[in-house]
């Protein structure tokens, strides 16, 4: 347990940030799974819609430091390429 006031504050901030990151990461993974599911079903329209929802979330996670920027970019690239190959 933290003994100093500043250490207690940092711990409160850590817990809050951890919850925000957990929510963002979970949402991002769900949206990626939706795109993958649509790709598996070979449904181009559904895949494009799912991709349109997933891209902003991936960008935001990269910018906020939830995941590394290059990983976000790489994932966006791969998903976009996969969806474009369907149509």
PDB file of N, CA and C in Angstrom:
ATOM      1  N   UNK A   1       0.844  -1.187   0.000  1.00  0.00           N
ATOM      2  CA  UNK A   1       0.000   0.000   0.000  1.00  0.00           C
ATOM      3  C   UNK A   1       0.885   1.245   0.000  1.00  0.00           C
ATOM      4  N   UNK A   2       0.429   2.263  -0.699  1.00  0.00           N
ATOM      5  CA  UNK A   2       1.195   3.499  -0.803  1.00  0.00           C
ATOM      6  C   UNK A   2       1.202   4.241   0.539  1.00  0.00           C
ATOM      7  N   UNK A   3       2.365   4.779   0.871  1.00  0.00           N
ATOM      8  CA  UNK A   3       2.507   5.473   2.146  1.00  0.00           C
ATOM      9  C   UNK A   3       2.495   6.990   2.009  1.00  0.00           C
ATOM     10  N   UNK A   4       2.742   7.487   0.806  1.00  0.00           N
ATOM     11  CA  UNK A   4       2.801   8.927   0.598  1.00  0.00           C
ATOM     12  C   UNK A   4       1.602   9.388  -0.207  1.00  0.00           C
ATOM     13  N   UNK A   5       1.252  10.636  -0.008  1.00  0.00           N
ATOM     14  CA  UNK A   5       0.079  11.201  -0.674  1.00  0.00           C
ATOM     15  C   UNK A   5       0.200  11.103  -2.199  1.00  0.00           C
ATOM     16  N   UNK A   6       1.376  11.421  -2.717  1.00  0.00           N
ATOM     17  CA  UNK A   6       1.585  11.384  -4.164  1.00  0.00           C
ATOM     18  C   UNK A   6       1.488   9.949  -4.694  1.00  0.00           C
ATOM     19  N   UNK A   7       2.008   9.000  -3.921  1.00  0.00           N
ATOM     20  CA  UNK A   7       1.948   7.601  -4.328  1.00  0.00           C
ATOM     21  C   UNK A   7       0.504   7.108  -4.348  1.00  0.00           C
ATOM     22  N   UNK A   8      -0.297   7.573  -3.405  1.00  0.00           N
ATOM     23  CA  UNK A   8      -1.721   7.214  -3.373  1.00  0.00           C
ATOM     24  C   UNK A   8      -2.437   7.777  -4.596  1.00  0.00           C
ATOM     25  N   UNK A   9      -2.107   9.019  -4.942  1.00  0.00           N
ATOM     26  CA  UNK A   9      -2.718   9.654  -6.105  1.00  0.00           C
ATOM     27  C   UNK A   9      -2.337   8.906  -7.379  1.00  0.00           C
ATOM     28  N   UNK A  10      -1.047   8.557  -7.515  1.00  0.00           N
ATOM     29  CA  UNK A  10      -0.595   7.826  -8.703  1.00  0.00           C
ATOM     30  C   UNK A  10      -1.319   6.484  -8.808  1.00  0.00           C
ATOM     31  N   UNK A  11      -1.569   5.864  -7.663  1.00  0.00           N
ATOM     32  CA  UNK A  11      -2.277   4.590  -7.661  1.00  0.00           C
ATOM     33  C   UNK A  11      -3.724   4.769  -8.122  1.00  0.00           C
ATOM     34  N   UNK A  12      -4.376   5.832  -7.666  1.00  0.00           N
ATOM     35  CA  UNK A  12      -5.750   6.121  -8.109  1.00  0.00           C
ATOM     36  C   UNK A  12      -5.771   6.356  -9.616  1.00  0.00           C
ATOM     37  N   UNK A  13      -4.796   7.113 -10.117  1.00  0.00           N
ATOM     38  CA  UNK A  13      -4.720   7.400 -11.550  1.00  0.00           C
ATOM     39  C   UNK A  13      -4.486   6.109 -12.346  1.00  0.00           C
ATOM     40  N   UNK A  14      -3.639   5.256 -11.813  1.00  0.00           N
ATOM     41  CA  UNK A  14      -3.319   3.994 -12.480  1.00  0.00           C
ATOM     42  C   UNK A  14      -4.565   3.127 -12.620  1.00  0.00           C
ATOM     43  N   UNK A  15      -5.333   3.033 -11.558  1.00  0.00           N
ATOM     44  CA  UNK A  15      -6.539   2.211 -11.566  1.00  0.00           C
ATOM     45  C   UNK A  15      -7.549   2.754 -12.582  1.00  0.00           C
ATOM     46  N   UNK A  16      -7.704   4.055 -12.610  1.00  0.00           N
ATOM     47  CA  UNK A  16      -8.640   4.686 -13.537  1.00  0.00           C
ATOM     48  C   UNK A  16      -8.200   4.468 -14.990  1.00  0.00           C
ATOM     49  N   UNK A  17      -6.921   4.693 -15.252  1.00  0.00           N
ATOM     50  CA  UNK A  17      -6.380   4.530 -16.606  1.00  0.00           C
ATOM     51  C   UNK A  17      -6.463   3.069 -17.043  1.00  0.00           C
ATOM     52  N   UNK A  18      -6.211   2.176 -16.111  1.00  0.00           N
ATOM     53  CA  UNK A  18      -6.261   0.745 -16.394  1.00  0.00           C
ATOM     54  C   UNK A  18      -7.666   0.335 -16.846  1.00  0.00           C
ATOM     55  N   UNK A  19      -8.678   0.868 -16.167  1.00  0.00           N
ATOM     56  CA  UNK A  19     -10.067   0.555 -16.520  1.00  0.00           C
ATOM     57  C   UNK A  19     -10.418   1.102 -17.899  1.00  0.00           C
ATOM     58  N   UNK A  20      -9.963   2.316 -18.186  1.00  0.00           N
ATOM     59  CA  UNK A  20     -10.232   2.920 -19.497  1.00  0.00           C
ATOM     60  C   UNK A  20      -9.555   2.119 -20.605  1.00  0.00           C
ATOM     61  N   UNK A  21      -8.312   1.719 -20.380  1.00  0.00           N
ATOM     62  CA  UNK A  21      -7.580   0.953 -21.384  1.00  0.00           C
ATOM     63  C   UNK A  21      -8.207  -0.421 -21.581  1.00  0.00           C
ATOM     64  N   UNK A  22      -8.649  -1.035 -20.491  1.00  0.00           N
ATOM     65  CA  UNK A  22      -9.270  -2.356 -20.590  1.00  0.00           C
ATOM     66  C   UNK A  22     -10.537  -2.282 -21.439  1.00  0.00           C
ATOM     67  N   UNK A  23     -11.332  -1.263 -21.226  1.00  0.00           N
ATOM     68  CA  UNK A  23     -12.564  -1.087 -21.996  1.00  0.00           C
ATOM     69  C   UNK A  23     -12.252  -0.842 -23.471  1.00  0.00           C
ATOM     70  N   UNK A  24     -11.294   0.025 -23.734  1.00  0.00           N
ATOM     71  CA  UNK A  24     -10.933   0.349 -25.117  1.00  0.00           C
ATOM     72  C   UNK A  24     -10.376  -0.880 -25.834  1.00  0.00           C
ATOM     73  N   UNK A  25      -9.523  -1.645 -25.155  1.00  0.00           N
ATOM     74  CA  UNK A  25      -8.914  -2.834 -25.764  1.00  0.00           C
ATOM     75  C   UNK A  25      -9.978  -3.892 -26.044  1.00  0.00           C
ATOM     76  N   UNK A  26     -10.897  -4.067 -25.117  1.00  0.00           N
ATOM     77  CA  UNK A  26     -11.962  -5.048 -25.281  1.00  0.00           C
ATOM     78  C   UNK A  26     -12.864  -4.678 -26.464  1.00  0.00           C
ATOM     79  N   UNK A  27     -13.229  -3.412 -26.548  1.00  0.00           N
ATOM     80  CA  UNK A  27     -14.064  -2.928 -27.645  1.00  0.00           C
ATOM     81  C   UNK A  27     -13.352  -3.122 -28.975  1.00  0.00           C
ATOM     82  N   UNK A  28     -12.075  -2.788 -29.014  1.00  0.00           N
ATOM     83  CA  UNK A  28     -11.282  -2.923 -30.229  1.00  0.00           C
ATOM     84  C   UNK A  28     -11.253  -4.381 -30.684  1.00  0.00           C
ATOM     85  N   UNK A  29     -10.999  -5.296 -29.763  1.00  0.00           N
ATOM     86  CA  UNK A  29     -10.933  -6.718 -30.106  1.00  0.00           C
ATOM     87  C   UNK A  29     -12.277  -7.216 -30.626  1.00  0.00           C
ATOM     88  N   UNK A  30     -13.365  -6.773 -30.022  1.00  0.00           N
ATOM     89  CA  UNK A  30     -14.699  -7.177 -30.467  1.00  0.00           C
ATOM     90  C   UNK A  30     -14.947  -6.717 -31.893  1.00  0.00           C
ATOM     91  N   UNK A  31     -14.580  -5.472 -32.191  1.00  0.00           N
ATOM     92  CA  UNK A  31     -14.794  -4.935 -33.534  1.00  0.00           C
ATOM     93  C   UNK A  31     -13.941  -5.669 -34.564  1.00  0.00           C
ATOM     94  N   UNK A  32     -12.720  -6.034 -34.193  1.00  0.00           N
ATOM     95  CA  UNK A  32     -11.851  -6.794 -35.099  1.00  0.00           C
ATOM     96  C   UNK A  32     -12.459  -8.168 -35.368  1.00  0.00           C
ATOM     97  N   UNK A  33     -13.018  -8.785 -34.323  1.00  0.00           N
ATOM     98  CA  UNK A  33     -13.645 -10.095 -34.492  1.00  0.00           C
ATOM     99  C   UNK A  33     -14.852 -10.016 -35.415  1.00  0.00           C
ATOM    100  N   UNK A  34     -15.589  -8.910 -35.364  1.00  0.00           N
ATOM    101  CA  UNK A  34     -16.733  -8.738 -36.266  1.00  0.00           C
ATOM    102  C   UNK A  34     -16.274  -8.696 -37.722  1.00  0.00           C
ATOM    103  N   UNK A  35     -15.187  -7.993 -37.974  1.00  0.00           N
ATOM    104  CA  UNK A  35     -14.639  -7.920 -39.333  1.00  0.00           C
ATOM    105  C   UNK A  35     -14.185  -9.318 -39.765  1.00  0.00           C
ATOM    106  N   UNK A  36     -13.482 -10.014 -38.893  1.00  0.00           N
ATOM    107  CA  UNK A  36     -12.983 -11.356 -39.216  1.00  0.00           C
ATOM    108  C   UNK A  36     -14.135 -12.317 -39.489  1.00  0.00           C
ATOM    109  N   UNK A  37     -15.191 -12.197 -38.714  1.00  0.00           N
ATOM    110  CA  UNK A  37     -16.365 -13.059 -38.906  1.00  0.00           C
ATOM    111  C   UNK A  37     -17.009 -12.795 -40.264  1.00  0.00           C
ATOM    112  N   UNK A  38     -17.131 -11.521 -40.625  1.00  0.00           N
ATOM    113  CA  UNK A  38     -17.713 -11.168 -41.922  1.00  0.00           C
ATOM    114  C   UNK A  38     -16.823 -11.658 -43.059  1.00  0.00           C
ATOM    115  N   UNK A  39     -15.516 -11.591 -42.867  1.00  0.00           N
ATOM    116  CA  UNK A  39     -14.578 -12.083 -43.883  1.00  0.00           C
ATOM    117  C   UNK A  39     -14.706 -13.595 -44.045  1.00  0.00           C
ATOM    118  N   UNK A  40     -14.875 -14.279 -42.923  1.00  0.00           N
ATOM    119  CA  UNK A  40     -15.012 -15.729 -42.951  1.00  0.00           C
ATOM    120  C   UNK A  40     -16.286 -16.145 -43.699  1.00  0.00           C
ATOM    121  N   UNK A  41     -17.355 -15.355 -43.524  1.00  0.00           N
ATOM    122  CA  UNK A  41     -18.628 -15.629 -44.204  1.00  0.00           C
ATOM    123  C   UNK A  41     -18.617 -15.154 -45.653  1.00  0.00           C
ATOM    124  N   UNK A  42     -17.539 -14.466 -46.030  1.00  0.00           N
ATOM    125  CA  UNK A  42     -17.384 -13.883 -47.376  1.00  0.00           C
ATOM    126  C   UNK A  42     -18.524 -12.919 -47.720  1.00  0.00           C
ATOM    127  N   UNK A  43     -18.940 -12.161 -46.706  1.00  0.00           N
ATOM    128  CA  UNK A  43     -20.000 -11.157 -46.869  1.00  0.00           C
ATOM    129  C   UNK A  43     -19.328  -9.780 -46.981  1.00  0.00           C
ATOM    130  N   UNK A  44     -19.188  -9.288 -48.221  1.00  0.00           N
ATOM    131  CA  UNK A  44     -18.445  -8.051 -48.466  1.00  0.00           C
ATOM    132  C   UNK A  44     -19.112  -6.837 -47.833  1.00  0.00           C
ATOM    133  N   UNK A  45     -20.431  -6.752 -47.943  1.00  0.00           N
ATOM    134  CA  UNK A  45     -21.141  -5.582 -47.394  1.00  0.00           C
ATOM    135  C   UNK A  45     -21.012  -5.533 -45.880  1.00  0.00           C
ATOM    136  N   UNK A  46     -21.199  -6.671 -45.249  1.00  0.00           N
ATOM    137  CA  UNK A  46     -21.096  -6.747 -43.791  1.00  0.00           C
ATOM    138  C   UNK A  46     -19.666  -6.451 -43.333  1.00  0.00           C
ATOM    139  N   UNK A  47     -18.693  -6.937 -44.099  1.00  0.00           N
ATOM    140  CA  UNK A  47     -17.281  -6.714 -43.760  1.00  0.00           C
ATOM    141  C   UNK A  47     -16.936  -5.229 -43.863  1.00  0.00           C
ATOM    142  N   UNK A  48     -17.428  -4.552 -44.890  1.00  0.00           N
ATOM    143  CA  UNK A  48     -17.147  -3.115 -45.053  1.00  0.00           C
ATOM    144  C   UNK A  48     -17.747  -2.308 -43.913  1.00  0.00           C
ATOM    145  N   UNK A  49     -18.976  -2.674 -43.515  1.00  0.00           N
ATOM    146  CA  UNK A  49     -19.622  -1.981 -42.394  1.00  0.00           C
ATOM    147  C   UNK A  49     -18.838  -2.195 -41.097  1.00  0.00           C
ATOM    148  N   UNK A  50     -18.442  -3.432 -40.861  1.00  0.00           N
ATOM    149  CA  UNK A  50     -17.687  -3.747 -39.647  1.00  0.00           C
ATOM    150  C   UNK A  50     -16.337  -3.031 -39.656  1.00  0.00           C
ATOM    151  N   UNK A  51     -15.708  -2.954 -40.837  1.00  0.00           N
ATOM    152  CA  UNK A  51     -14.418  -2.271 -40.951  1.00  0.00           C
ATOM    153  C   UNK A  51     -14.580  -0.777 -40.663  1.00  0.00           C
ATOM    154  N   UNK A  52     -15.670  -0.210 -41.146  1.00  0.00           N
ATOM    155  CA  UNK A  52     -15.928   1.217 -40.938  1.00  0.00           C
ATOM    156  C   UNK A  52     -16.058   1.535 -39.439  1.00  0.00           C
ATOM    157  N   UNK A  53     -16.591   0.599 -38.662  1.00  0.00           N
ATOM    158  CA  UNK A  53     -16.700   0.778 -37.213  1.00  0.00           C
ATOM    159  C   UNK A  53     -15.362   0.544 -36.517  1.00  0.00           C
ATOM    160  N   UNK A  54     -14.580  -0.395 -37.036  1.00  0.00           N
ATOM    161  CA  UNK A  54     -13.345  -0.802 -36.360  1.00  0.00           C
ATOM    162  C   UNK A  54     -12.200   0.203 -36.543  1.00  0.00           C
ATOM    163  N   UNK A  55     -12.106   0.821 -37.713  1.00  0.00           N
ATOM    164  CA  UNK A  55     -10.962   1.700 -37.998  1.00  0.00           C
ATOM    165  C   UNK A  55     -10.812   2.860 -37.007  1.00  0.00           C
ATOM    166  N   UNK A  56     -11.872   3.615 -36.705  1.00  0.00           N
ATOM    167  CA  UNK A  56     -11.692   4.709 -35.741  1.00  0.00           C
ATOM    168  C   UNK A  56     -11.252   4.220 -34.355  1.00  0.00           C
ATOM    169  N   UNK A  57     -11.773   3.073 -33.943  1.00  0.00           N
ATOM    170  CA  UNK A  57     -11.405   2.536 -32.629  1.00  0.00           C
ATOM    171  C   UNK A  57      -9.935   2.122 -32.610  1.00  0.00           C
ATOM    172  N   UNK A  58      -9.471   1.508 -33.684  1.00  0.00           N
ATOM    173  CA  UNK A  58      -8.062   1.123 -33.773  1.00  0.00           C
ATOM    174  C   UNK A  58      -7.164   2.353 -33.758  1.00  0.00           C
ATOM    175  N   UNK A  59      -7.543   3.372 -34.526  1.00  0.00           N
ATOM    176  CA  UNK A  59      -6.769   4.617 -34.549  1.00  0.00           C
ATOM    177  C   UNK A  59      -6.686   5.235 -33.165  1.00  0.00           C
ATOM    178  N   UNK A  60      -7.832   5.286 -32.494  1.00  0.00           N
ATOM    179  CA  UNK A  60      -7.890   5.901 -31.168  1.00  0.00           C
ATOM    180  C   UNK A  60      -7.022   5.125 -30.177  1.00  0.00           C
ATOM    181  N   UNK A  61      -7.081   3.801 -30.242  1.00  0.00           N
ATOM    182  CA  UNK A  61      -6.266   2.987 -29.329  1.00  0.00           C
ATOM    183  C   UNK A  61      -4.775   3.210 -29.583  1.00  0.00           C
ATOM    184  N   UNK A  62      -4.406   3.380 -30.843  1.00  0.00           N
ATOM    185  CA  UNK A  62      -3.016   3.653 -31.169  1.00  0.00           C
ATOM    186  C   UNK A  62      -2.573   5.009 -30.661  1.00  0.00           C
ATOM    187  N   UNK A  63      -3.415   6.003 -30.817  1.00  0.00           N
ATOM    188  CA  UNK A  63      -3.074   7.362 -30.398  1.00  0.00           C
ATOM    189  C   UNK A  63      -3.010   7.483 -28.881  1.00  0.00           C
ATOM    190  N   UNK A  64      -3.894   6.776 -28.180  1.00  0.00           N
ATOM    191  CA  UNK A  64      -3.960   6.896 -26.723  1.00  0.00           C
ATOM    192  C   UNK A  64      -2.932   6.030 -26.006  1.00  0.00           C
ATOM    193  N   UNK A  65      -2.236   5.171 -26.764  1.00  0.00           N
ATOM    194  CA  UNK A  65      -1.221   4.341 -26.140  1.00  0.00           C
ATOM    195  C   UNK A  65      -1.760   3.044 -25.574  1.00  0.00           C
ATOM    196  N   UNK A  66      -2.982   2.679 -25.926  1.00  0.00           N
ATOM    197  CA  UNK A  66      -3.533   1.405 -25.471  1.00  0.00           C
ATOM    198  C   UNK A  66      -2.771   0.271 -26.159  1.00  0.00           C
ATOM    199  N   UNK A  67      -2.492   0.458 -27.449  1.00  0.00           N
ATOM    200  CA  UNK A  67      -1.635  -0.452 -28.203  1.00  0.00           C
ATOM    201  C   UNK A  67      -0.599   0.417 -28.924  1.00  0.00           C
ATOM    202  N   UNK A  68       0.518  -0.152 -29.332  1.00  0.00           N
ATOM    203  CA  UNK A  68       1.517   0.637 -30.064  1.00  0.00           C
ATOM    204  C   UNK A  68       0.961   1.161 -31.387  1.00  0.00           C
ATOM    205  N   UNK A  69       1.395   2.344 -31.790  1.00  0.00           N
ATOM    206  CA  UNK A  69       0.894   2.972 -33.017  1.00  0.00           C
ATOM    207  C   UNK A  69       1.119   2.098 -34.238  1.00  0.00           C
ATOM    208  N   UNK A  70       2.287   1.489 -34.318  1.00  0.00           N
ATOM    209  CA  UNK A  70       2.600   0.657 -35.489  1.00  0.00           C
ATOM    210  C   UNK A  70       1.734  -0.597 -35.534  1.00  0.00           C
ATOM    211  N   UNK A  71       1.386  -1.134 -34.392  1.00  0.00           N
ATOM    212  CA  UNK A  71       0.499  -2.298 -34.374  1.00  0.00           C
ATOM    213  C   UNK A  71      -0.884  -1.908 -34.870  1.00  0.00           C
ATOM    214  N   UNK A  72      -1.356  -0.741 -34.450  1.00  0.00           N
ATOM    215  CA  UNK A  72      -2.655  -0.254 -34.913  1.00  0.00           C
ATOM    216  C   UNK A  72      -2.628  -0.069 -36.423  1.00  0.00           C
ATOM    217  N   UNK A  73      -1.570   0.551 -36.928  1.00  0.00           N
ATOM    218  CA  UNK A  73      -1.427   0.791 -38.355  1.00  0.00           C
ATOM    219  C   UNK A  73      -1.378  -0.521 -39.132  1.00  0.00           C
ATOM    220  N   UNK A  74      -0.620  -1.461 -38.625  1.00  0.00           N
ATOM    221  CA  UNK A  74      -0.473  -2.766 -39.282  1.00  0.00           C
ATOM    222  C   UNK A  74      -1.815  -3.510 -39.323  1.00  0.00           C
ATOM    223  N   UNK A  75      -2.553  -3.471 -38.227  1.00  0.00           N
ATOM    224  CA  UNK A  75      -3.845  -4.143 -38.155  1.00  0.00           C
ATOM    225  C   UNK A  75      -4.840  -3.508 -39.111  1.00  0.00           C
ATOM    226  N   UNK A  76      -4.853  -2.182 -39.151  1.00  0.00           N
ATOM    227  CA  UNK A  76      -5.738  -1.463 -40.074  1.00  0.00           C
ATOM    228  C   UNK A  76      -5.415  -1.857 -41.507  1.00  0.00           C
ATOM    229  N   UNK A  77      -4.144  -1.891 -41.824  1.00  0.00           N
ATOM    230  CA  UNK A  77      -3.701  -2.232 -43.175  1.00  0.00           C
ATOM    231  C   UNK A  77      -4.147  -3.639 -43.557  1.00  0.00           C
ATOM    232  N   UNK A  78      -3.942  -4.581 -42.677  1.00  0.00           N
ATOM    233  CA  UNK A  78      -4.279  -5.976 -42.970  1.00  0.00           C
ATOM    234  C   UNK A  78      -5.788  -6.168 -43.110  1.00  0.00           C
ATOM    235  N   UNK A  79      -6.557  -5.537 -42.222  1.00  0.00           N
ATOM    236  CA  UNK A  79      -8.013  -5.666 -42.303  1.00  0.00           C
ATOM    237  C   UNK A  79      -8.544  -5.037 -43.588  1.00  0.00           C
ATOM    238  N   UNK A  80      -8.030  -3.850 -43.917  1.00  0.00           N
ATOM    239  CA  UNK A  80      -8.482  -3.145 -45.122  1.00  0.00           C
ATOM    240  C   UNK A  80      -8.166  -3.961 -46.365  1.00  0.00           C
ATOM    241  N   UNK A  81      -6.952  -4.510 -46.408  1.00  0.00           N
ATOM    242  CA  UNK A  81      -6.546  -5.323 -47.563  1.00  0.00           C
ATOM    243  C   UNK A  81      -7.443  -6.559 -47.696  1.00  0.00           C
ATOM    244  N   UNK A  82      -7.756  -7.179 -46.580  1.00  0.00           N
ATOM    245  CA  UNK A  82      -8.597  -8.382 -46.594  1.00  0.00           C
ATOM    246  C   UNK A  82     -10.014  -8.062 -47.081  1.00  0.00           C
ATOM    247  N   UNK A  83     -10.570  -6.937 -46.594  1.00  0.00           N
ATOM    248  CA  UNK A  83     -11.926  -6.546 -46.990  1.00  0.00           C
ATOM    249  C   UNK A  83     -11.950  -6.175 -48.465  1.00  0.00           C
ATOM    250  N   UNK A  84     -10.927  -5.451 -48.927  1.00  0.00           N
ATOM    251  CA  UNK A  84     -10.877  -5.053 -50.335  1.00  0.00           C
ATOM    252  C   UNK A  84     -10.718  -6.251 -51.263  1.00  0.00           C
ATOM    253  N   UNK A  85     -10.098  -7.317 -50.792  1.00  0.00           N
ATOM    254  CA  UNK A  85      -9.911  -8.497 -51.630  1.00  0.00           C
ATOM    255  C   UNK A  85     -11.228  -9.251 -51.855  1.00  0.00           C
ATOM    256  N   UNK A  86     -12.215  -9.023 -50.978  1.00  0.00           N
ATOM    257  CA  UNK A  86     -13.512  -9.684 -51.129  1.00  0.00           C
ATOM    258  C   UNK A  86     -14.285  -9.143 -52.316  1.00  0.00           C
ATOM    259  N   UNK A  87     -14.199  -7.822 -52.523  1.00  0.00           N
ATOM    260  CA  UNK A  87     -15.037  -7.222 -53.563  1.00  0.00           C
ATOM    261  C   UNK A  87     -14.316  -7.000 -54.863  1.00  0.00           C
TER     262      UNK A  87
END
